[in-house]
PDB file of N, CA and C in Angstrom:
ATOM      1  N   UNK A   1      -6.751 -12.973  -0.200  1.00  0.00           N
ATOM      2  CA  UNK A   1      -5.547 -12.964  -0.993  1.00  0.00           C
ATOM      3  C   UNK A   1      -4.579 -11.943  -0.388  1.00  0.00           C
ATOM      4  N   UNK A   2      -3.338 -12.339  -0.245  1.00  0.00           N
ATOM      5  CA  UNK A   2      -2.301 -11.501   0.343  1.00  0.00           C
ATOM      6  C   UNK A   2      -1.727 -10.552  -0.707  1.00  0.00           C
ATOM      7  N   UNK A   3      -1.604  -9.284  -0.351  1.00  0.00           N
ATOM      8  CA  UNK A   3      -1.020  -8.288  -1.234  1.00  0.00           C
ATOM      9  C   UNK A   3       0.116  -7.593  -0.483  1.00  0.00           C
ATOM     10  N   UNK A   4       1.375  -7.872  -0.855  1.00  0.00           N
ATOM     11  CA  UNK A   4       2.496  -7.293  -0.107  1.00  0.00           C
ATOM     12  C   UNK A   4       2.550  -5.763  -0.178  1.00  0.00           C
ATOM     13  N   UNK A   5       2.110  -5.191  -1.287  1.00  0.00           N
ATOM     14  CA  UNK A   5       2.109  -3.735  -1.393  1.00  0.00           C
ATOM     15  C   UNK A   5       1.098  -3.127  -0.416  1.00  0.00           C
ATOM     16  N   UNK A   6      -0.067  -3.732  -0.326  1.00  0.00           N
ATOM     17  CA  UNK A   6      -1.084  -3.252   0.610  1.00  0.00           C
ATOM     18  C   UNK A   6      -0.613  -3.429   2.050  1.00  0.00           C
ATOM     19  N   UNK A   7       0.033  -4.529   2.323  1.00  0.00           N
ATOM     20  CA  UNK A   7       0.579  -4.770   3.658  1.00  0.00           C
ATOM     21  C   UNK A   7       1.596  -3.690   4.019  1.00  0.00           C
ATOM     22  N   UNK A   8       2.452  -3.336   3.076  1.00  0.00           N
ATOM     23  CA  UNK A   8       3.438  -2.283   3.306  1.00  0.00           C
ATOM     24  C   UNK A   8       2.756  -0.945   3.542  1.00  0.00           C
ATOM     25  N   UNK A   9       1.732  -0.654   2.765  1.00  0.00           N
ATOM     26  CA  UNK A   9       0.995   0.600   2.952  1.00  0.00           C
ATOM     27  C   UNK A   9       0.362   0.654   4.339  1.00  0.00           C
ATOM     28  N   UNK A  10      -0.238  -0.435   4.759  1.00  0.00           N
ATOM     29  CA  UNK A  10      -0.865  -0.467   6.083  1.00  0.00           C
ATOM     30  C   UNK A  10       0.172  -0.287   7.191  1.00  0.00           C
ATOM     31  N   UNK A  11       1.334  -0.898   7.016  1.00  0.00           N
ATOM     32  CA  UNK A  11       2.418  -0.712   7.990  1.00  0.00           C
ATOM     33  C   UNK A  11       2.833   0.757   8.048  1.00  0.00           C
ATOM     34  N   UNK A  12       2.937   1.386   6.867  1.00  0.00           N
ATOM     35  CA  UNK A  12       3.329   2.777   6.807  1.00  0.00           C
ATOM     36  C   UNK A  12       2.276   3.661   7.486  1.00  0.00           C
ATOM     37  N   UNK A  13       1.018   3.377   7.225  1.00  0.00           N
ATOM     38  CA  UNK A  13      -0.059   4.160   7.838  1.00  0.00           C
ATOM     39  C   UNK A  13      -0.037   4.007   9.353  1.00  0.00           C
ATOM     40  N   UNK A  14       0.191   2.800   9.836  1.00  0.00           N
ATOM     41  CA  UNK A  14       0.261   2.569  11.281  1.00  0.00           C
ATOM     42  C   UNK A  14       1.482   3.229  11.902  1.00  0.00           C
ATOM     43  N   UNK A  15       2.621   3.121  11.216  1.00  0.00           N
ATOM     44  CA  UNK A  15       3.877   3.644  11.754  1.00  0.00           C
ATOM     45  C   UNK A  15       3.972   5.158  11.625  1.00  0.00           C
ATOM     46  N   UNK A  16       3.361   5.704  10.578  1.00  0.00           N
ATOM     47  CA  UNK A  16       3.398   7.144  10.376  1.00  0.00           C
ATOM     48  C   UNK A  16       4.564   7.648   9.560  1.00  0.00           C
ATOM     49  N   UNK A  17       5.454   6.744   9.127  1.00  0.00           N
ATOM     50  CA  UNK A  17       6.576   7.175   8.294  1.00  0.00           C
ATOM     51  C   UNK A  17       7.136   5.986   7.516  1.00  0.00           C
ATOM     52  N   UNK A  18       7.836   6.319   6.439  1.00  0.00           N
ATOM     53  CA  UNK A  18       8.490   5.274   5.638  1.00  0.00           C
ATOM     54  C   UNK A  18       9.557   4.572   6.466  1.00  0.00           C
ATOM     55  N   UNK A  19      10.338   5.342   7.204  1.00  0.00           N
ATOM     56  CA  UNK A  19      11.439   4.753   7.965  1.00  0.00           C
ATOM     57  C   UNK A  19      10.954   3.792   9.048  1.00  0.00           C
ATOM     58  N   UNK A  20       9.932   4.186   9.784  1.00  0.00           N
ATOM     59  CA  UNK A  20       9.404   3.313  10.839  1.00  0.00           C
ATOM     60  C   UNK A  20       8.763   2.062  10.241  1.00  0.00           C
ATOM     61  N   UNK A  21       8.067   2.227   9.121  1.00  0.00           N
ATOM     62  CA  UNK A  21       7.464   1.067   8.455  1.00  0.00           C
ATOM     63  C   UNK A  21       8.540   0.109   7.978  1.00  0.00           C
ATOM     64  N   UNK A  22       9.620   0.652   7.438  1.00  0.00           N
ATOM     65  CA  UNK A  22      10.725  -0.180   6.968  1.00  0.00           C
ATOM     66  C   UNK A  22      11.353  -0.942   8.128  1.00  0.00           C
ATOM     67  N   UNK A  23      11.551  -0.261   9.220  1.00  0.00           N
ATOM     68  CA  UNK A  23      12.119  -0.899  10.404  1.00  0.00           C
ATOM     69  C   UNK A  23      11.224  -2.030  10.902  1.00  0.00           C
ATOM     70  N   UNK A  24       9.927  -1.784  10.948  1.00  0.00           N
ATOM     71  CA  UNK A  24       8.968  -2.800  11.403  1.00  0.00           C
ATOM     72  C   UNK A  24       8.938  -4.015  10.486  1.00  0.00           C
ATOM     73  N   UNK A  25       9.128  -3.784   9.183  1.00  0.00           N
ATOM     74  CA  UNK A  25       9.053  -4.871   8.200  1.00  0.00           C
ATOM     75  C   UNK A  25      10.421  -5.489   7.909  1.00  0.00           C
ATOM     76  N   UNK A  26      11.476  -4.973   8.550  1.00  0.00           N
ATOM     77  CA  UNK A  26      12.844  -5.448   8.321  1.00  0.00           C
ATOM     78  C   UNK A  26      13.270  -5.302   6.860  1.00  0.00           C
ATOM     79  N   UNK A  27      12.903  -4.167   6.268  1.00  0.00           N
ATOM     80  CA  UNK A  27      13.322  -3.853   4.902  1.00  0.00           C
ATOM     81  C   UNK A  27      13.830  -2.408   4.899  1.00  0.00           C
ATOM     82  N   UNK A  28      14.375  -1.968   3.774  1.00  0.00           N
ATOM     83  CA  UNK A  28      14.899  -0.613   3.688  1.00  0.00           C
ATOM     84  C   UNK A  28      13.779   0.380   3.377  1.00  0.00           C
ATOM     85  N   UNK A  29      13.982   1.648   3.738  1.00  0.00           N
ATOM     86  CA  UNK A  29      12.993   2.660   3.365  1.00  0.00           C
ATOM     87  C   UNK A  29      12.785   2.729   1.845  1.00  0.00           C
ATOM     88  N   UNK A  30      13.831   2.495   1.089  1.00  0.00           N
ATOM     89  CA  UNK A  30      13.712   2.478  -0.374  1.00  0.00           C
ATOM     90  C   UNK A  30      12.758   1.387  -0.824  1.00  0.00           C
ATOM     91  N   UNK A  31      12.811   0.235  -0.181  1.00  0.00           N
ATOM     92  CA  UNK A  31      11.901  -0.854  -0.528  1.00  0.00           C
ATOM     93  C   UNK A  31      10.458  -0.489  -0.199  1.00  0.00           C
ATOM     94  N   UNK A  32      10.250   0.230   0.891  1.00  0.00           N
ATOM     95  CA  UNK A  32       8.896   0.684   1.243  1.00  0.00           C
ATOM     96  C   UNK A  32       8.375   1.624   0.161  1.00  0.00           C
ATOM     97  N   UNK A  33       9.197   2.569  -0.244  1.00  0.00           N
ATOM     98  CA  UNK A  33       8.792   3.521  -1.279  1.00  0.00           C
ATOM     99  C   UNK A  33       8.470   2.802  -2.587  1.00  0.00           C
ATOM    100  N   UNK A  34       9.265   1.806  -2.941  1.00  0.00           N
ATOM    101  CA  UNK A  34       8.997   1.032  -4.162  1.00  0.00           C
ATOM    102  C   UNK A  34       7.674   0.285  -4.064  1.00  0.00           C
ATOM    103  N   UNK A  35       7.400  -0.284  -2.893  1.00  0.00           N
ATOM    104  CA  UNK A  35       6.138  -1.004  -2.703  1.00  0.00           C
ATOM    105  C   UNK A  35       4.948  -0.049  -2.824  1.00  0.00           C
ATOM    106  N   UNK A  36       5.085   1.141  -2.258  1.00  0.00           N
ATOM    107  CA  UNK A  36       4.014   2.137  -2.350  1.00  0.00           C
ATOM    108  C   UNK A  36       3.820   2.565  -3.803  1.00  0.00           C
ATOM    109  N   UNK A  37       4.920   2.769  -4.522  1.00  0.00           N
ATOM    110  CA  UNK A  37       4.823   3.139  -5.936  1.00  0.00           C
ATOM    111  C   UNK A  37       4.134   2.053  -6.755  1.00  0.00           C
ATOM    112  N   UNK A  38       4.430   0.794  -6.472  1.00  0.00           N
ATOM    113  CA  UNK A  38       3.771  -0.318  -7.167  1.00  0.00           C
ATOM    114  C   UNK A  38       2.271  -0.334  -6.867  1.00  0.00           C
ATOM    115  N   UNK A  39       1.919  -0.100  -5.620  1.00  0.00           N
ATOM    116  CA  UNK A  39       0.504  -0.070  -5.249  1.00  0.00           C
ATOM    117  C   UNK A  39      -0.212   1.090  -5.933  1.00  0.00           C
ATOM    118  N   UNK A  40       0.430   2.249  -5.966  1.00  0.00           N
ATOM    119  CA  UNK A  40      -0.168   3.403  -6.639  1.00  0.00           C
ATOM    120  C   UNK A  40      -0.374   3.123  -8.122  1.00  0.00           C
ATOM    121  N   UNK A  41       0.596   2.470  -8.751  1.00  0.00           N
ATOM    122  CA  UNK A  41       0.461   2.127 -10.173  1.00  0.00           C
ATOM    123  C   UNK A  41      -0.689   1.145 -10.374  1.00  0.00           C
ATOM    124  N   UNK A  42      -0.820   0.213  -9.455  1.00  0.00           N
ATOM    125  CA  UNK A  42      -1.873  -0.794  -9.572  1.00  0.00           C
ATOM    126  C   UNK A  42      -3.272  -0.189  -9.450  1.00  0.00           C
ATOM    127  N   UNK A  43      -3.431   0.761  -8.529  1.00  0.00           N
ATOM    128  CA  UNK A  43      -4.753   1.369  -8.344  1.00  0.00           C
ATOM    129  C   UNK A  43      -4.934   2.618  -9.202  1.00  0.00           C
ATOM    130  N   UNK A  44      -3.885   2.996  -9.908  1.00  0.00           N
ATOM    131  CA  UNK A  44      -3.897   4.152 -10.812  1.00  0.00           C
ATOM    132  C   UNK A  44      -4.325   5.428 -10.100  1.00  0.00           C
ATOM    133  N   UNK A  45      -3.751   5.626  -8.918  1.00  0.00           N
ATOM    134  CA  UNK A  45      -4.028   6.812  -8.123  1.00  0.00           C
ATOM    135  C   UNK A  45      -2.890   6.983  -7.131  1.00  0.00           C
ATOM    136  N   UNK A  46      -2.708   8.207  -6.658  1.00  0.00           N
ATOM    137  CA  UNK A  46      -1.701   8.402  -5.612  1.00  0.00           C
ATOM    138  C   UNK A  46      -2.351   8.217  -4.255  1.00  0.00           C
ATOM    139  N   UNK A  47      -1.657   7.559  -3.385  1.00  0.00           N
ATOM    140  CA  UNK A  47      -2.210   7.295  -2.056  1.00  0.00           C
ATOM    141  C   UNK A  47      -2.256   8.556  -1.225  1.00  0.00           C
ATOM    142  N   UNK A  48      -1.429   9.523  -1.533  1.00  0.00           N
ATOM    143  CA  UNK A  48      -1.488  10.782  -0.790  1.00  0.00           C
ATOM    144  C   UNK A  48      -2.797  11.512  -1.034  1.00  0.00           C
ATOM    145  N   UNK A  49      -3.448  11.221  -2.164  1.00  0.00           N
ATOM    146  CA  UNK A  49      -4.750  11.846  -2.421  1.00  0.00           C
ATOM    147  C   UNK A  49      -5.879  11.100  -1.716  1.00  0.00           C
ATOM    148  N   UNK A  50      -5.587   9.914  -1.233  1.00  0.00           N
ATOM    149  CA  UNK A  50      -6.596   9.096  -0.553  1.00  0.00           C
ATOM    150  C   UNK A  50      -6.466   9.212   0.959  1.00  0.00           C
ATOM    151  N   UNK A  51      -5.223   9.163   1.441  1.00  0.00           N
ATOM    152  CA  UNK A  51      -4.956   9.137   2.869  1.00  0.00           C
ATOM    153  C   UNK A  51      -3.841  10.112   3.196  1.00  0.00           C
ATOM    154  N   UNK A  52      -3.965  10.778   4.286  1.00  0.00           N
ATOM    155  CA  UNK A  52      -2.905  11.703   4.719  1.00  0.00           C
ATOM    156  C   UNK A  52      -2.152  11.059   5.873  1.00  0.00           C
ATOM    157  N   UNK A  53      -0.849  10.869   5.663  1.00  0.00           N
ATOM    158  CA  UNK A  53       0.004  10.296   6.703  1.00  0.00           C
ATOM    159  C   UNK A  53       0.596  11.438   7.521  1.00  0.00           C
ATOM    160  N   UNK A  54       0.421  11.422   8.840  1.00  0.00           N
ATOM    161  CA  UNK A  54       0.957  12.527   9.668  1.00  0.00           C
ATOM    162  C   UNK A  54       2.472  12.575   9.648  1.00  0.00           C
TER     163      UNK A  54
END
């Protein structure tokens, strides 16, 4: 099953920043942040506590 929020998170983890992930996905950095916030709400945890992005 495809999860766009998870896909955005993986792009961000690979890219290392919101801006680079947004550029790779052809969306705005604000949209990346919104997708991450939706994913965090869904898993009821902050992703910064799970993974550290350099």
